[in-house]
Amino acid sequence: MRISTSESYALGISLILDKQSQLAQTQQQLSTGKRIVNPADDPAGAAQALDLQSAIDTNTQYTHNGDAATARLNLEQSALGQVSNALQRVRTLVLQANNDSQTDESRASIASELSQSLKQLVSLGNTRDANGEYIFAGSQTTTQPFSIKPGGGFAYAGDNAQRFLQIDANRTLATNDPGSSVFMQILNGNGDFTATAAATNTGTGVIDPGQVIDASAYTHDTYQLQFVNGNTYNVVDTTTGTTLLSNQTYQGGESISFAGIQTSIKGAPAAGDIFTIAPSQQQDLFQTVQNVIDTLNTPTGSPASLAKLHNNINQGLVALDQGLGRMVNVQAAVGSRLTSVQSQQQLQQDWGVQLKTAQSGIQDLDYAKAVSQLNLQLTGLQAAQKTYLQVQGLSLFKYL
């Protein structure tokens, strides 16, 4: 079999080009640190690497979501802590004002300080995050949630929704609490009922906020303690029109129990005085503070008006306690979510390491093996080049 000169040259050049191609691929692998530079290098491995990269990107997004959730929840936790501190200060001032040694002027001074605390509470309700979004506006994050109505009272412009972020494939987490549930929907009184004195009372009776002592017997009706004279009273269920207790002898500070509830009255009620026990209603936290301010700004020129002040302040104190309880509950819920995010992020971190390790095992280069292969390929290329030069130099004319 004869091999022509041109065919020999073509075979030599083809071998050299093949060696150069292999060498170039190894050099590219070394420069990128990747075993799979092009999908054609390892189609199955490239497909696996792409799937792993997709999983890594998704895991990274969940981690970013967790970071965002943590930032929002930490901000809410901080705001709630400041609200609690402000309420504690308010409660201290209200207790101070409830002392009979205070004068109308000193109570007015306390009311002035409470007005500043009220402004602080409204401001905290309108807390914004680093993006300028209101954290207590529900899903209406660009709308200021709380404002003071022109005619008095407080308005909420947000909604009742929570915002959620996905922190895992099968898990979402609330990153805020709407202001309606945090500040607005708080039961007044002791949370079960309110115990109030009628505005027309002329005696000095002050009723205790009371408590439910038998939940099964408490029907959530409205009741009245009606004083026939300073020593005798009746208890009437005004919802049903039924008299529960009749001609009871009054003793100041003694417990009064009926329909699963218990209260007491101190002082000297007058004939015709009425004390009403009614189911608690929702009242916003700001209005609770405003009611106390209004009470402290009302002059007390008689024993009856002083008793009215004490009755109103007692109502304010238990309502403040309800507000503080709400803050504690919301803070606990936020803290629980923060713990959940931290636990989930640790799982995401561990899973991310596993994914990257698996991806590295598929596509990353073994440098020691690649360098050794590069040296062999370089030697092979040099041998092919020398062989080509020797073949190129063969000619019969040299021997003539």
Protein backbone atom coordinates (compact mmCIF):
# COMPACT_ATOMS: atom_id res chain seq x y z
CA MET A 1 0.00 0.00 0.00
CA ARG A 2 1.42 3.32 -1.04
CA ILE A 3 0.98 6.50 0.96
CA SER A 4 1.37 9.63 -1.08
CA THR A 5 3.45 12.54 0.11
CA SER A 6 0.39 14.79 0.40
CA GLU A 7 -1.43 12.18 2.46
CA SER A 8 1.52 11.91 4.82
CA TYR A 9 1.56 15.64 5.24
CA ALA A 10 -2.19 15.71 5.90
CA LEU A 11 -1.94 12.95 8.49
CA GLY A 12 0.89 14.76 10.25
CA ILE A 13 -0.93 18.08 10.32
CA SER A 14 -4.13 16.38 11.53
CA LEU A 15 -2.23 14.74 14.38
CA ILE A 16 -0.62 18.04 15.35
CA LEU A 17 -3.96 19.87 15.30
CA ASP A 18 -5.57 17.13 17.40
CA LYS A 19 -2.80 17.38 19.99
CA GLN A 20 -3.10 21.19 20.01
CA SER A 21 -6.85 20.92 20.53
CA GLN A 22 -6.42 18.56 23.48
CA LEU A 23 -3.74 20.82 24.94
CA ALA A 24 -5.92 23.92 24.51
CA GLN A 25 -8.83 22.23 26.26
CA THR A 26 -6.65 21.26 29.22
CA GLN A 27 -5.25 24.78 29.40
CA GLN A 28 -8.80 26.16 29.42
CA GLN A 29 -9.75 23.76 32.20
CA LEU A 30 -6.79 24.93 34.26
CA SER A 31 -7.61 28.60 33.68
CA THR A 32 -11.30 28.18 34.66
CA GLY A 33 -10.85 25.55 37.36
CA LYS A 34 -13.68 23.55 35.77
CA ARG A 35 -13.55 20.05 34.42
CA ILE A 36 -16.61 20.68 32.25
CA VAL A 37 -15.91 23.77 30.15
CA ASN A 38 -18.52 23.01 27.49
CA PRO A 39 -21.58 20.73 27.80
CA ALA A 40 -20.04 18.50 25.12
CA ASP A 41 -17.19 17.69 27.50
CA ASP A 42 -19.58 15.64 29.66
CA PRO A 43 -23.27 15.96 28.69
CA ALA A 44 -24.59 13.98 31.66
CA GLY A 45 -22.34 15.78 34.12
CA ALA A 46 -23.24 19.17 32.63
CA ALA A 47 -26.94 18.41 33.06
CA GLN A 48 -26.38 17.40 36.69
CA ALA A 49 -24.33 20.54 37.33
CA LEU A 50 -27.11 22.72 35.90
CA ASP A 51 -29.72 21.05 38.12
CA LEU A 52 -27.50 21.55 41.14
CA GLN A 53 -26.89 25.20 40.23
CA SER A 54 -30.65 25.75 40.00
CA ALA A 55 -31.05 24.22 43.46
CA ILE A 56 -28.21 26.40 44.79
CA ASP A 57 -29.81 29.55 43.35
CA THR A 58 -33.16 28.66 44.89
CA ASN A 59 -31.53 27.93 48.24
CA THR A 60 -29.69 31.26 48.05
CA GLN A 61 -32.99 33.07 47.40
CA TYR A 62 -34.54 31.41 50.44
CA THR A 63 -31.56 32.59 52.48
CA HIS A 64 -32.03 36.17 51.20
CA ASN A 65 -35.74 35.93 52.08
CA GLY A 66 -34.76 34.79 55.56
CA ASP A 67 -32.42 37.78 55.92
CA ALA A 68 -35.21 40.14 54.84
CA ALA A 69 -37.67 38.48 57.25
CA THR A 70 -35.16 38.76 60.10
CA ALA A 71 -34.63 42.48 59.42
CA ARG A 72 -38.37 43.19 59.36
CA LEU A 73 -39.11 41.15 62.46
CA ASN A 74 -36.22 42.70 64.39
CA LEU A 75 -37.54 46.15 63.54
CA GLU A 76 -41.04 45.17 64.67
CA GLN A 77 -39.64 43.65 67.87
CA SER A 78 -37.77 46.87 68.59
CA ALA A 79 -40.87 49.02 67.96
CA LEU A 80 -43.01 46.80 70.18
CA GLY A 81 -40.42 47.00 72.93
CA GLN A 82 -40.54 50.80 72.77
CA VAL A 83 -44.34 50.70 72.86
CA SER A 84 -44.20 48.52 75.99
CA ASN A 85 -41.74 50.90 77.64
CA ALA A 86 -43.97 53.87 76.81
CA LEU A 87 -47.02 52.08 78.21
CA GLN A 88 -45.16 51.21 81.40
CA ARG A 89 -44.31 54.89 81.81
CA VAL A 90 -47.93 55.83 81.16
CA ARG A 91 -49.12 53.32 83.74
CA THR A 92 -46.68 54.68 86.33
CA LEU A 93 -47.94 58.22 85.76
CA VAL A 94 -51.58 57.12 85.93
CA LEU A 95 -50.97 55.37 89.27
CA GLN A 96 -49.31 58.53 90.51
CA ALA A 97 -52.28 60.61 89.39
CA ASN A 98 -54.73 58.26 91.15
CA ASN A 99 -53.43 59.38 94.55
CA ASP A 100 -55.73 61.68 96.54
CA SER A 101 -52.74 63.84 97.45
CA GLN A 102 -52.67 65.11 93.87
CA THR A 103 -54.33 68.40 92.99
CA ASP A 104 -56.13 69.37 89.79
CA GLU A 105 -53.01 71.28 88.74
CA SER A 106 -50.63 68.38 89.36
CA ARG A 107 -52.97 66.01 87.51
CA ALA A 108 -53.08 68.42 84.59
CA SER A 109 -49.28 68.41 84.56
CA ILE A 110 -49.29 64.60 84.47
CA ALA A 111 -51.86 64.74 81.67
CA SER A 112 -49.50 66.98 79.71
CA GLU A 113 -46.73 64.39 79.97
CA LEU A 114 -49.19 61.66 78.99
CA SER A 115 -50.04 63.67 75.87
CA GLN A 116 -46.39 63.45 74.84
CA SER A 117 -46.42 59.72 75.49
CA LEU A 118 -49.53 59.42 73.34
CA LYS A 119 -47.78 61.19 70.46
CA GLN A 120 -44.86 58.80 70.89
CA LEU A 121 -47.22 55.80 70.73
CA VAL A 122 -48.83 57.08 67.52
CA SER A 123 -45.37 57.69 66.06
CA LEU A 124 -44.28 54.15 66.95
CA GLY A 125 -47.44 52.84 65.30
CA ASN A 126 -46.28 54.64 62.15
CA THR A 127 -42.79 53.11 62.22
CA ARG A 128 -41.18 52.66 58.80
CA ASP A 129 -38.41 50.34 57.66
CA ALA A 130 -35.30 51.17 55.64
CA ASN A 131 -37.37 51.12 52.42
CA GLY A 132 -39.79 53.69 53.81
CA GLU A 133 -42.58 51.13 54.21
CA TYR A 134 -44.90 51.24 57.23
CA ILE A 135 -44.47 48.04 59.21
CA PHE A 136 -47.88 48.17 60.94
CA ALA A 137 -50.01 48.97 57.87
CA GLY A 138 -50.72 45.37 56.92
CA SER A 139 -50.26 45.04 53.15
CA GLN A 140 -50.82 48.79 52.59
CA THR A 141 -47.17 49.53 53.28
CA THR A 142 -47.11 52.89 51.52
CA THR A 143 -50.06 54.23 53.53
CA GLN A 144 -49.55 55.81 56.95
CA PRO A 145 -51.60 53.55 59.21
CA PHE A 146 -52.47 55.78 62.19
CA SER A 147 -53.76 59.32 62.37
CA ILE A 148 -55.76 61.52 64.72
CA LYS A 149 -59.30 62.28 63.54
CA PRO A 150 -60.21 65.99 63.31
CA GLY A 151 -63.13 65.52 65.71
CA GLY A 152 -61.20 63.32 68.12
CA GLY A 153 -60.38 59.66 68.14
CA PHE A 154 -57.89 57.69 66.07
CA ALA A 155 -58.13 56.22 62.58
CA TYR A 156 -56.42 53.19 61.08
CA ALA A 157 -55.82 53.35 57.31
CA GLY A 158 -54.07 50.00 56.85
CA ASP A 159 -55.67 46.59 56.41
CA ASN A 160 -55.76 43.37 58.40
CA ALA A 161 -53.36 41.43 56.15
CA GLN A 162 -49.94 40.06 56.94
CA ARG A 163 -47.03 39.96 54.52
CA PHE A 164 -45.31 36.63 53.97
CA LEU A 165 -41.93 35.52 52.65
CA GLN A 166 -41.10 32.01 51.51
CA ILE A 167 -38.14 30.72 53.50
CA ASP A 168 -38.27 27.13 52.24
CA ALA A 169 -39.91 25.16 49.46
CA ASN A 170 -42.86 24.29 51.67
CA ARG A 171 -42.81 27.09 54.21
CA THR A 172 -43.82 30.74 54.32
CA LEU A 173 -43.50 33.05 57.31
CA ALA A 174 -45.33 36.24 58.32
CA THR A 175 -42.95 39.19 58.49
CA ASN A 176 -45.30 41.70 60.09
CA ASP A 177 -48.40 42.16 62.21
CA PRO A 178 -51.13 44.57 61.11
CA GLY A 179 -51.69 47.59 63.32
CA SER A 180 -55.35 46.69 63.61
CA SER A 181 -54.53 43.64 65.73
CA VAL A 182 -51.59 45.22 67.57
CA PHE A 183 -53.07 48.58 68.53
CA MET A 184 -56.78 48.73 67.67
CA GLN A 185 -58.55 45.49 68.55
CA ILE A 186 -57.84 45.39 72.29
CA LEU A 187 -60.62 44.51 74.71
CA ASN A 188 -61.25 47.17 77.33
CA GLY A 189 -61.95 46.57 81.00
CA ASN A 190 -60.34 43.41 82.33
CA GLY A 191 -60.77 41.67 78.99
CA ASP A 192 -64.02 40.00 80.01
CA PHE A 193 -66.13 42.90 81.23
CA THR A 194 -66.02 46.54 82.23
CA ALA A 195 -67.16 47.79 85.64
CA THR A 196 -68.20 51.44 85.40
CA ALA A 197 -69.97 53.99 87.58
CA ALA A 198 -72.89 55.93 86.15
CA ALA A 199 -72.14 59.57 85.33
CA THR A 200 -75.13 60.58 87.48
CA ASN A 201 -73.82 58.95 90.66
CA THR A 202 -73.74 61.31 93.63
CA GLY A 203 -71.98 59.08 96.15
CA THR A 204 -68.31 58.27 96.57
CA GLY A 205 -68.47 54.60 95.62
CA VAL A 206 -65.53 53.29 93.57
CA ILE A 207 -65.98 49.92 91.91
CA ASP A 208 -63.18 47.39 91.46
CA PRO A 209 -62.53 46.22 87.85
CA GLY A 210 -63.42 42.70 89.01
CA GLN A 211 -62.77 39.33 87.47
CA VAL A 212 -64.48 36.20 86.19
CA ILE A 213 -64.31 33.48 88.83
CA ASP A 214 -66.50 30.88 87.09
CA ALA A 215 -66.34 30.97 83.30
CA SER A 216 -69.12 28.39 82.97
CA ALA A 217 -71.54 30.62 84.87
CA TYR A 218 -70.59 33.88 83.14
CA THR A 219 -73.13 34.59 80.38
CA HIS A 220 -71.72 37.89 79.04
CA ASP A 221 -74.96 39.69 79.93
CA THR A 222 -75.04 43.26 81.17
CA TYR A 223 -75.67 43.74 84.89
CA GLN A 224 -76.37 46.68 87.16
CA LEU A 225 -75.70 47.12 90.85
CA GLN A 226 -78.54 49.46 91.83
CA PHE A 227 -78.33 51.12 95.24
CA VAL A 228 -81.71 51.51 96.92
CA ASN A 229 -80.00 53.55 99.63
CA GLY A 230 -76.48 53.81 101.01
CA ASN A 231 -76.75 50.42 102.71
CA THR A 232 -78.80 48.27 100.33
CA TYR A 233 -78.42 47.30 96.67
CA ASN A 234 -79.93 45.00 94.07
CA VAL A 235 -78.16 43.17 91.23
CA VAL A 236 -80.19 43.17 88.02
CA ASP A 237 -79.46 41.36 84.76
CA THR A 238 -80.54 44.14 82.38
CA THR A 239 -80.15 41.85 79.37
CA THR A 240 -82.91 39.55 80.58
CA GLY A 241 -84.62 41.90 83.05
CA THR A 242 -83.99 39.46 85.88
CA THR A 243 -83.10 40.44 89.43
CA LEU A 244 -80.26 38.19 90.56
CA LEU A 245 -79.74 39.59 94.06
CA SER A 246 -82.25 41.64 96.02
CA ASN A 247 -81.88 43.90 99.08
CA GLN A 248 -78.25 43.00 99.65
CA THR A 249 -76.53 44.72 102.56
CA TYR A 250 -73.62 46.84 101.41
CA GLN A 251 -70.29 46.72 103.22
CA GLY A 252 -67.43 48.71 101.72
CA GLY A 253 -64.69 46.55 100.21
CA GLU A 254 -66.64 43.31 100.65
CA SER A 255 -66.72 40.97 97.63
CA ILE A 256 -69.85 40.98 95.51
CA SER A 257 -70.29 37.79 93.51
CA PHE A 258 -72.95 36.78 90.97
CA ALA A 259 -73.24 35.10 87.55
CA GLY A 260 -69.67 33.82 87.70
CA ILE A 261 -68.07 37.22 88.31
CA GLN A 262 -66.71 38.98 91.36
CA THR A 263 -66.16 42.63 92.17
CA SER A 264 -66.31 45.01 95.12
CA ILE A 265 -67.12 48.62 95.88
CA LYS A 266 -65.35 50.96 98.25
CA GLY A 267 -66.58 54.27 99.57
CA ALA A 268 -70.12 55.42 100.28
CA PRO A 269 -72.56 55.00 97.40
CA ALA A 270 -75.71 57.13 97.56
CA ALA A 271 -79.32 56.18 96.93
CA GLY A 272 -79.90 55.85 93.19
CA ASP A 273 -76.24 55.23 92.35
CA ILE A 274 -75.72 52.63 89.64
CA PHE A 275 -72.67 50.57 88.71
CA THR A 276 -72.79 48.71 85.40
CA ILE A 277 -70.95 45.55 84.44
CA ALA A 278 -70.98 45.01 80.69
CA PRO A 279 -69.05 42.72 78.28
CA SER A 280 -65.71 44.13 77.17
CA GLN A 281 -65.61 45.86 73.80
CA GLN A 282 -62.71 46.50 71.44
CA GLN A 283 -60.92 49.77 72.06
CA ASP A 284 -57.73 51.08 70.51
CA LEU A 285 -54.70 51.64 72.69
CA PHE A 286 -54.46 55.32 71.77
CA GLN A 287 -58.04 55.99 72.89
CA THR A 288 -57.31 54.29 76.20
CA VAL A 289 -54.51 56.78 76.88
CA GLN A 290 -56.62 59.68 75.59
CA ASN A 291 -59.46 58.74 77.97
CA VAL A 292 -57.05 58.89 80.91
CA ILE A 293 -55.76 62.28 79.73
CA ASP A 294 -59.32 63.61 79.51
CA THR A 295 -60.05 62.29 83.01
CA LEU A 296 -56.98 63.97 84.50
CA ASN A 297 -57.86 67.26 82.84
CA THR A 298 -61.31 67.22 84.47
CA PRO A 299 -61.45 69.25 87.72
CA THR A 300 -62.48 67.44 90.92
CA GLY A 301 -64.40 69.92 93.01
CA SER A 302 -66.37 67.47 95.16
CA PRO A 303 -66.04 64.00 96.74
CA ALA A 304 -68.41 62.63 94.08
CA SER A 305 -66.29 64.01 91.23
CA LEU A 306 -63.18 62.62 92.89
CA ALA A 307 -64.85 59.20 93.06
CA LYS A 308 -65.69 59.53 89.37
CA LEU A 309 -62.03 60.25 88.64
CA HIS A 310 -60.95 57.13 90.55
CA ASN A 311 -63.52 55.01 88.72
CA ASN A 312 -62.33 56.28 85.34
CA ILE A 313 -58.67 55.85 86.23
CA ASN A 314 -59.31 52.30 87.43
CA GLN A 315 -60.85 51.58 84.04
CA GLY A 316 -57.86 53.16 82.35
CA LEU A 317 -55.41 51.08 84.36
CA VAL A 318 -57.00 47.74 83.51
CA ALA A 319 -57.27 48.81 79.87
CA LEU A 320 -53.56 49.69 79.89
CA ASP A 321 -52.86 46.26 81.35
CA GLN A 322 -54.76 44.74 78.45
CA GLY A 323 -52.62 46.78 76.05
CA LEU A 324 -49.42 45.69 77.76
CA GLY A 325 -50.61 42.10 77.61
CA ARG A 326 -51.22 42.48 73.87
CA MET A 327 -47.68 43.81 73.38
CA VAL A 328 -46.25 40.86 75.30
CA ASN A 329 -48.24 38.39 73.20
CA VAL A 330 -47.26 40.00 69.89
CA GLN A 331 -43.62 40.20 70.96
CA ALA A 332 -43.70 36.52 71.87
CA ALA A 333 -45.13 35.68 68.44
CA VAL A 334 -42.48 37.80 66.70
CA GLY A 335 -39.75 36.17 68.79
CA SER A 336 -41.05 32.74 67.85
CA ARG A 337 -40.92 33.66 64.16
CA LEU A 338 -37.40 35.01 64.53
CA THR A 339 -36.31 31.73 66.10
CA SER A 340 -37.96 29.83 63.25
CA VAL A 341 -36.14 31.93 60.65
CA GLN A 342 -32.80 31.40 62.37
CA SER A 343 -33.34 27.64 62.55
CA GLN A 344 -34.41 27.53 58.91
CA GLN A 345 -31.42 29.58 57.81
CA GLN A 346 -29.09 27.14 59.54
CA LEU A 347 -30.74 24.33 57.60
CA GLN A 348 -30.42 26.34 54.38
CA GLN A 349 -26.75 26.95 55.10
CA ASP A 350 -26.08 23.25 55.68
CA TRP A 351 -28.07 22.28 52.59
CA GLY A 352 -26.21 24.88 50.53
CA VAL A 353 -22.88 23.38 51.56
CA GLN A 354 -24.06 19.92 50.49
CA LEU A 355 -25.29 21.21 47.12
CA LYS A 356 -22.04 23.05 46.41
CA THR A 357 -20.00 20.02 47.45
CA ALA A 358 -21.97 17.80 45.08
CA GLN A 359 -21.63 20.32 42.27
CA SER A 360 -17.91 20.66 42.90
CA GLY A 361 -17.50 16.89 42.69
CA ILE A 362 -19.09 16.93 39.22
CA GLN A 363 -17.63 19.98 37.53
CA ASP A 364 -14.54 21.14 39.43
CA LEU A 365 -11.13 20.25 38.15
CA ASP A 366 -8.57 17.93 39.75
CA TYR A 367 -5.58 20.27 39.34
CA ALA A 368 -2.88 17.63 39.98
CA LYS A 369 -4.36 15.31 37.39
CA ALA A 370 -4.88 18.16 34.92
CA VAL A 371 -1.28 19.43 35.24
CA SER A 372 0.03 15.90 34.71
CA GLN A 373 -2.23 15.52 31.67
CA LEU A 374 -1.04 18.90 30.34
CA ASN A 375 2.59 17.78 30.51
CA LEU A 376 1.78 14.53 28.69
CA GLN A 377 -0.17 16.39 26.02
CA LEU A 378 2.64 18.89 25.57
CA THR A 379 5.12 16.03 25.16
CA GLY A 380 2.79 14.36 22.65
CA LEU A 381 2.44 17.60 20.67
CA GLN A 382 6.20 18.06 20.56
CA ALA A 383 6.65 14.45 19.39
CA ALA A 384 4.02 14.92 16.67
CA GLN A 385 5.71 18.10 15.49
CA LYS A 386 9.17 16.41 15.32
CA THR A 387 7.70 13.41 13.53
CA TYR A 388 6.06 15.71 10.99
CA LEU A 389 9.33 17.53 10.38
CA GLN A 390 11.16 14.24 9.84
CA VAL A 391 8.50 12.96 7.43
CA GLN A 392 8.53 16.29 5.63
CA GLY A 393 12.26 15.95 5.08
CA LEU A 394 12.09 12.48 3.41
CA SER A 395 12.86 12.63 -0.37
CA LEU A 396 14.59 10.32 -2.92
CA PHE A 397 16.39 13.33 -4.30
CA LYS A 398 18.61 13.28 -1.20
CA TYR A 399 20.05 9.98 -2.30
CA LEU A 400 20.64 10.79 -5.98
